[in-house]
Amino acid sequence: MGQPWADESLRLMLVDVQQTHFWALIRTFAADGRSRLFACERLETWEAVRAFQIKHGVLDTAVLVDSGHKTDDTYAHCCMWGWFAIKGTEARDGFLVDGEKVIATWSLTGSAPTRFSPAYLLPGSVKSWTEVLSVSKALTTGMLAQARGGRLAGWTVPKDAPDFYLAQMAARQFDDRKKAWVTVGKQGEHLWDCERYALAAAFIAGVFNLPTQQTETTNTNANT
């Protein structure tokens, strides 16, 4: 992982916040929607998250932090460094826009994402509010399932991806009997969450021409 890619046009970092630590994932995208896992790691502090971002050259505006846990703390750090917050919602069939249901992975209501101010600001904050992107849990889950199943060509994982990444990606499986996605094992699915949010964020950023069939030779150093 972490190799330069001549076709890279977007580098996104997703952060999953836990009570005592963090999981961070970086995925790079080409303009046509092809993408590669670039880096992932467990981190212990907000400062370590910031250092991971800087180490891998991710823009502040390309960092998205899941605000489902420790919400005010997450908003405060997003304000401090100019990051975005992202939150999954139960919009199974999409979102209402001007009173009509729209099948979309993220909320299209209004000209800008919803803005929230934290209960407190940290010294040196660059903003007094953060933009919170609302995305559909069900639809982002479906997007990732298509990507991993090869229906979105060009979504790749390098052969040297760490074991903890592979274990977490296997932690969410579709139960045919329940007709629902379920969590298996005790390793958690934090990086799985990061991957589905990365796809949604790429769409939001304008990388929306994800190819639906293979049109060129795949990365020989990666597996779909």
Protein backbone atom coordinates (compact mmCIF):
# COMPACT_ATOMS: atom_id res chain seq x y z
CA MET A 1 0.00 0.00 0.00
CA GLY A 2 0.91 3.65 -0.13
CA GLN A 3 2.37 3.58 -3.63
CA PRO A 4 2.15 6.63 -5.95
CA TRP A 5 -0.53 6.40 -8.62
CA ALA A 6 -0.30 8.52 -11.75
CA ASP A 7 -4.09 8.46 -12.25
CA GLU A 8 -4.93 9.75 -8.77
CA SER A 9 -7.19 12.81 -8.76
CA LEU A 10 -8.72 12.59 -5.27
CA ARG A 11 -7.39 11.37 -1.94
CA LEU A 12 -9.97 10.86 0.82
CA MET A 13 -9.44 10.02 4.48
CA LEU A 14 -12.26 8.55 6.56
CA VAL A 15 -12.11 8.28 10.35
CA ASP A 16 -14.21 6.04 12.57
CA VAL A 17 -14.38 7.30 16.17
CA GLN A 18 -14.49 4.80 19.03
CA GLN A 19 -14.61 5.44 22.77
CA THR A 20 -10.88 4.90 23.32
CA HIS A 21 -9.30 4.96 19.85
CA PHE A 22 -9.81 5.63 16.14
CA TRP A 23 -9.65 3.78 12.84
CA ALA A 24 -8.49 5.76 9.80
CA LEU A 25 -8.55 4.78 6.14
CA ILE A 26 -7.27 6.54 3.03
CA ARG A 27 -8.53 5.65 -0.45
CA THR A 28 -7.37 7.32 -3.67
CA PHE A 29 -9.63 7.82 -6.71
CA ALA A 30 -9.04 8.38 -10.39
CA ALA A 31 -11.33 10.80 -12.23
CA ASP A 32 -13.23 7.90 -13.82
CA GLY A 33 -14.03 6.30 -10.45
CA ARG A 34 -11.32 3.66 -10.21
CA SER A 35 -9.87 3.59 -6.71
CA ARG A 36 -7.18 2.03 -4.55
CA LEU A 37 -6.83 1.48 -0.83
CA PHE A 38 -3.84 3.63 0.12
CA ALA A 39 -3.45 3.28 3.91
CA CYS A 40 -5.31 2.26 7.05
CA GLU A 41 -4.37 2.21 10.72
CA ARG A 42 -5.61 2.14 14.29
CA LEU A 43 -4.78 5.43 16.04
CA GLU A 44 -4.97 6.28 19.72
CA THR A 45 -5.46 10.07 19.90
CA TRP A 46 -6.85 12.99 17.89
CA GLU A 47 -3.28 14.23 17.50
CA ALA A 48 -2.31 10.88 15.99
CA VAL A 49 -5.21 11.17 13.53
CA ARG A 50 -3.96 14.60 12.51
CA ALA A 51 -0.39 13.30 12.14
CA PHE A 52 -1.62 10.39 9.98
CA GLN A 53 -3.42 12.87 7.72
CA ILE A 54 -0.36 15.09 7.34
CA LYS A 55 2.00 12.14 6.83
CA HIS A 56 -0.06 10.93 3.87
CA GLY A 57 -0.71 14.33 2.34
CA VAL A 58 -4.48 14.46 2.70
CA LEU A 59 -6.11 17.89 2.38
CA ASP A 60 -8.11 19.15 5.38
CA THR A 61 -11.20 19.35 3.17
CA ALA A 62 -10.78 15.69 2.21
CA VAL A 63 -10.98 14.35 5.79
CA LEU A 64 -14.38 13.06 6.90
CA VAL A 65 -15.00 11.90 10.47
CA ASP A 66 -17.92 9.71 11.51
CA SER A 67 -19.81 11.67 14.16
CA GLY A 68 -21.93 8.79 15.44
CA HIS A 69 -19.82 8.52 18.61
CA LYS A 70 -18.47 11.35 20.79
CA THR A 71 -20.37 13.80 18.62
CA ASP A 72 -19.41 17.12 20.24
CA ASP A 73 -15.77 16.08 20.51
CA THR A 74 -15.83 15.12 16.83
CA TYR A 75 -17.43 18.41 15.80
CA ALA A 76 -14.90 20.36 17.89
CA HIS A 77 -11.94 18.68 16.18
CA CYS A 78 -13.52 19.13 12.75
CA CYS A 79 -13.79 22.85 13.55
CA MET A 80 -10.21 22.90 14.78
CA TRP A 81 -8.69 21.51 11.60
CA GLY A 82 -11.30 22.26 8.93
CA TRP A 83 -12.51 18.69 8.48
CA PHE A 84 -15.98 17.45 7.55
CA ALA A 85 -18.20 15.28 9.72
CA ILE A 86 -20.20 12.43 8.17
CA LYS A 87 -23.14 10.55 9.64
CA GLY A 88 -25.14 7.52 8.54
CA THR A 89 -28.93 7.78 8.60
CA GLU A 90 -31.76 5.29 8.19
CA ALA A 91 -32.75 6.69 4.78
CA ARG A 92 -33.18 3.22 3.30
CA ASP A 93 -34.70 4.42 0.00
CA GLY A 94 -32.96 7.77 -0.27
CA PHE A 95 -33.91 11.26 0.87
CA LEU A 96 -36.78 13.70 0.46
CA VAL A 97 -35.91 16.65 -1.78
CA ASP A 98 -38.61 19.30 -2.29
CA GLY A 99 -41.17 16.82 -0.99
CA GLU A 100 -40.19 14.05 -3.40
CA LYS A 101 -38.25 10.89 -2.65
CA VAL A 102 -34.87 10.85 -4.40
CA ILE A 103 -32.82 7.68 -4.59
CA ALA A 104 -29.45 9.09 -3.56
CA THR A 105 -26.76 7.97 -1.19
CA TRP A 106 -26.46 11.36 0.48
CA SER A 107 -28.86 14.17 1.33
CA LEU A 108 -29.40 16.65 -1.49
CA THR A 109 -31.54 19.01 0.57
CA GLY A 110 -30.38 22.63 0.41
CA SER A 111 -27.38 24.18 -1.29
CA ALA A 112 -24.94 23.08 1.44
CA PRO A 113 -24.65 20.21 3.91
CA THR A 114 -26.17 20.75 7.35
CA ARG A 115 -23.98 22.88 9.60
CA PHE A 116 -23.52 22.24 13.31
CA SER A 117 -21.63 24.12 16.02
CA PRO A 118 -20.06 22.04 18.80
CA ALA A 119 -20.76 22.66 22.47
CA TYR A 120 -17.23 24.06 22.76
CA LEU A 121 -14.40 25.22 20.51
CA LEU A 122 -10.78 24.20 20.87
CA PRO A 123 -7.96 26.79 20.81
CA GLY A 124 -6.81 27.50 17.28
CA SER A 125 -10.04 26.37 15.59
CA VAL A 126 -10.29 27.51 11.98
CA LYS A 127 -14.11 27.43 11.99
CA SER A 128 -16.93 27.85 14.52
CA TRP A 129 -19.12 25.22 12.83
CA THR A 130 -18.67 22.04 10.83
CA GLU A 131 -20.55 20.66 7.85
CA VAL A 132 -22.17 17.29 8.52
CA LEU A 133 -22.82 15.09 5.50
CA SER A 134 -25.81 12.76 5.90
CA VAL A 135 -25.55 9.48 4.00
CA SER A 136 -27.87 6.50 3.76
CA LYS A 137 -26.64 3.47 5.67
CA ALA A 138 -28.54 1.08 3.40
CA LEU A 139 -27.52 2.64 0.10
CA THR A 140 -23.85 3.03 1.03
CA THR A 141 -23.87 -0.61 2.15
CA GLY A 142 -25.24 -1.56 -1.26
CA MET A 143 -22.59 0.52 -3.03
CA LEU A 144 -19.79 -1.20 -1.16
CA ALA A 145 -21.29 -4.64 -1.80
CA GLN A 146 -21.33 -3.87 -5.53
CA ALA A 147 -17.75 -2.63 -5.42
CA ARG A 148 -16.48 -5.68 -3.58
CA GLY A 149 -18.47 -7.97 -5.87
CA GLY A 150 -16.78 -6.55 -8.97
CA ARG A 151 -19.83 -4.66 -10.27
CA LEU A 152 -18.05 -1.33 -9.86
CA ALA A 153 -14.91 -2.04 -11.83
CA GLY A 154 -11.67 -0.59 -10.60
CA TRP A 155 -12.32 -0.70 -6.83
CA THR A 156 -9.17 -2.41 -5.64
CA VAL A 157 -7.41 -3.59 -2.51
CA PRO A 158 -3.63 -4.21 -2.66
CA LYS A 159 -2.23 -7.64 -1.96
CA ASP A 160 -0.31 -6.31 1.04
CA ALA A 161 -3.42 -5.00 2.83
CA PRO A 162 -3.04 -5.74 6.57
CA ASP A 163 -4.83 -8.66 8.19
CA PHE A 164 -6.86 -6.36 10.45
CA TYR A 165 -8.32 -4.66 7.35
CA LEU A 166 -9.28 -7.98 5.77
CA ALA A 167 -10.83 -9.20 9.03
CA GLN A 168 -12.95 -6.08 9.43
CA MET A 169 -14.08 -6.19 5.81
CA ALA A 170 -15.30 -9.75 6.43
CA ALA A 171 -17.15 -8.73 9.60
CA ARG A 172 -20.29 -7.63 7.73
CA GLN A 173 -22.08 -10.35 5.82
CA PHE A 174 -25.49 -10.63 4.21
CA ASP A 175 -27.80 -13.09 5.99
CA ASP A 176 -30.06 -14.67 3.36
CA ARG A 177 -32.47 -15.92 6.01
CA LYS A 178 -32.87 -12.53 7.68
CA LYS A 179 -32.50 -10.63 4.39
CA ALA A 180 -30.22 -8.20 6.18
CA TRP A 181 -26.56 -7.37 6.75
CA VAL A 182 -25.27 -8.71 10.05
CA THR A 183 -22.04 -8.38 12.02
CA VAL A 184 -20.05 -11.56 12.59
CA GLY A 185 -17.08 -12.10 14.88
CA LYS A 186 -15.64 -9.68 17.41
CA GLN A 187 -13.12 -7.79 15.29
CA GLY A 188 -15.53 -4.95 14.48
CA GLU A 189 -16.40 -3.43 11.10
CA HIS A 190 -14.91 0.03 11.51
CA LEU A 191 -12.85 0.01 8.31
CA TRP A 192 -15.85 -1.46 6.47
CA ASP A 193 -17.77 1.64 7.53
CA CYS A 194 -14.90 3.84 6.34
CA GLU A 195 -14.91 2.16 2.93
CA ARG A 196 -18.63 2.67 2.30
CA TYR A 197 -18.43 6.28 3.43
CA ALA A 198 -15.43 6.78 1.13
CA LEU A 199 -17.53 5.74 -1.86
CA ALA A 200 -20.31 8.15 -0.88
CA ALA A 201 -17.80 10.96 -0.31
CA ALA A 202 -16.26 10.34 -3.73
CA PHE A 203 -19.70 10.73 -5.31
CA ILE A 204 -20.24 13.96 -3.38
CA ALA A 205 -16.84 15.23 -4.58
CA GLY A 206 -17.83 14.62 -8.19
CA VAL A 207 -16.29 11.22 -8.86
CA PHE A 208 -19.55 9.75 -10.07
CA ASN A 209 -18.70 7.95 -13.30
CA LEU A 210 -17.92 4.68 -11.58
CA PRO A 211 -17.52 2.14 -14.40
CA THR A 212 -19.92 -0.79 -14.29
CA GLN A 213 -17.77 -3.17 -16.28
CA GLN A 214 -14.08 -3.70 -16.81
CA THR A 215 -12.74 -1.67 -19.71
CA GLU A 216 -9.02 -1.97 -19.18
CA THR A 217 -6.38 -4.10 -17.53
CA THR A 218 -6.76 -4.05 -13.77
CA ASN A 219 -4.00 -3.05 -11.39
CA THR A 220 -1.66 -6.02 -11.34
CA ASN A 221 -0.72 -5.19 -7.76
CA ALA A 222 -4.28 -5.31 -6.44
CA ASN A 223 -7.25 -7.60 -5.98
CA THR A 224 -10.89 -6.58 -6.28
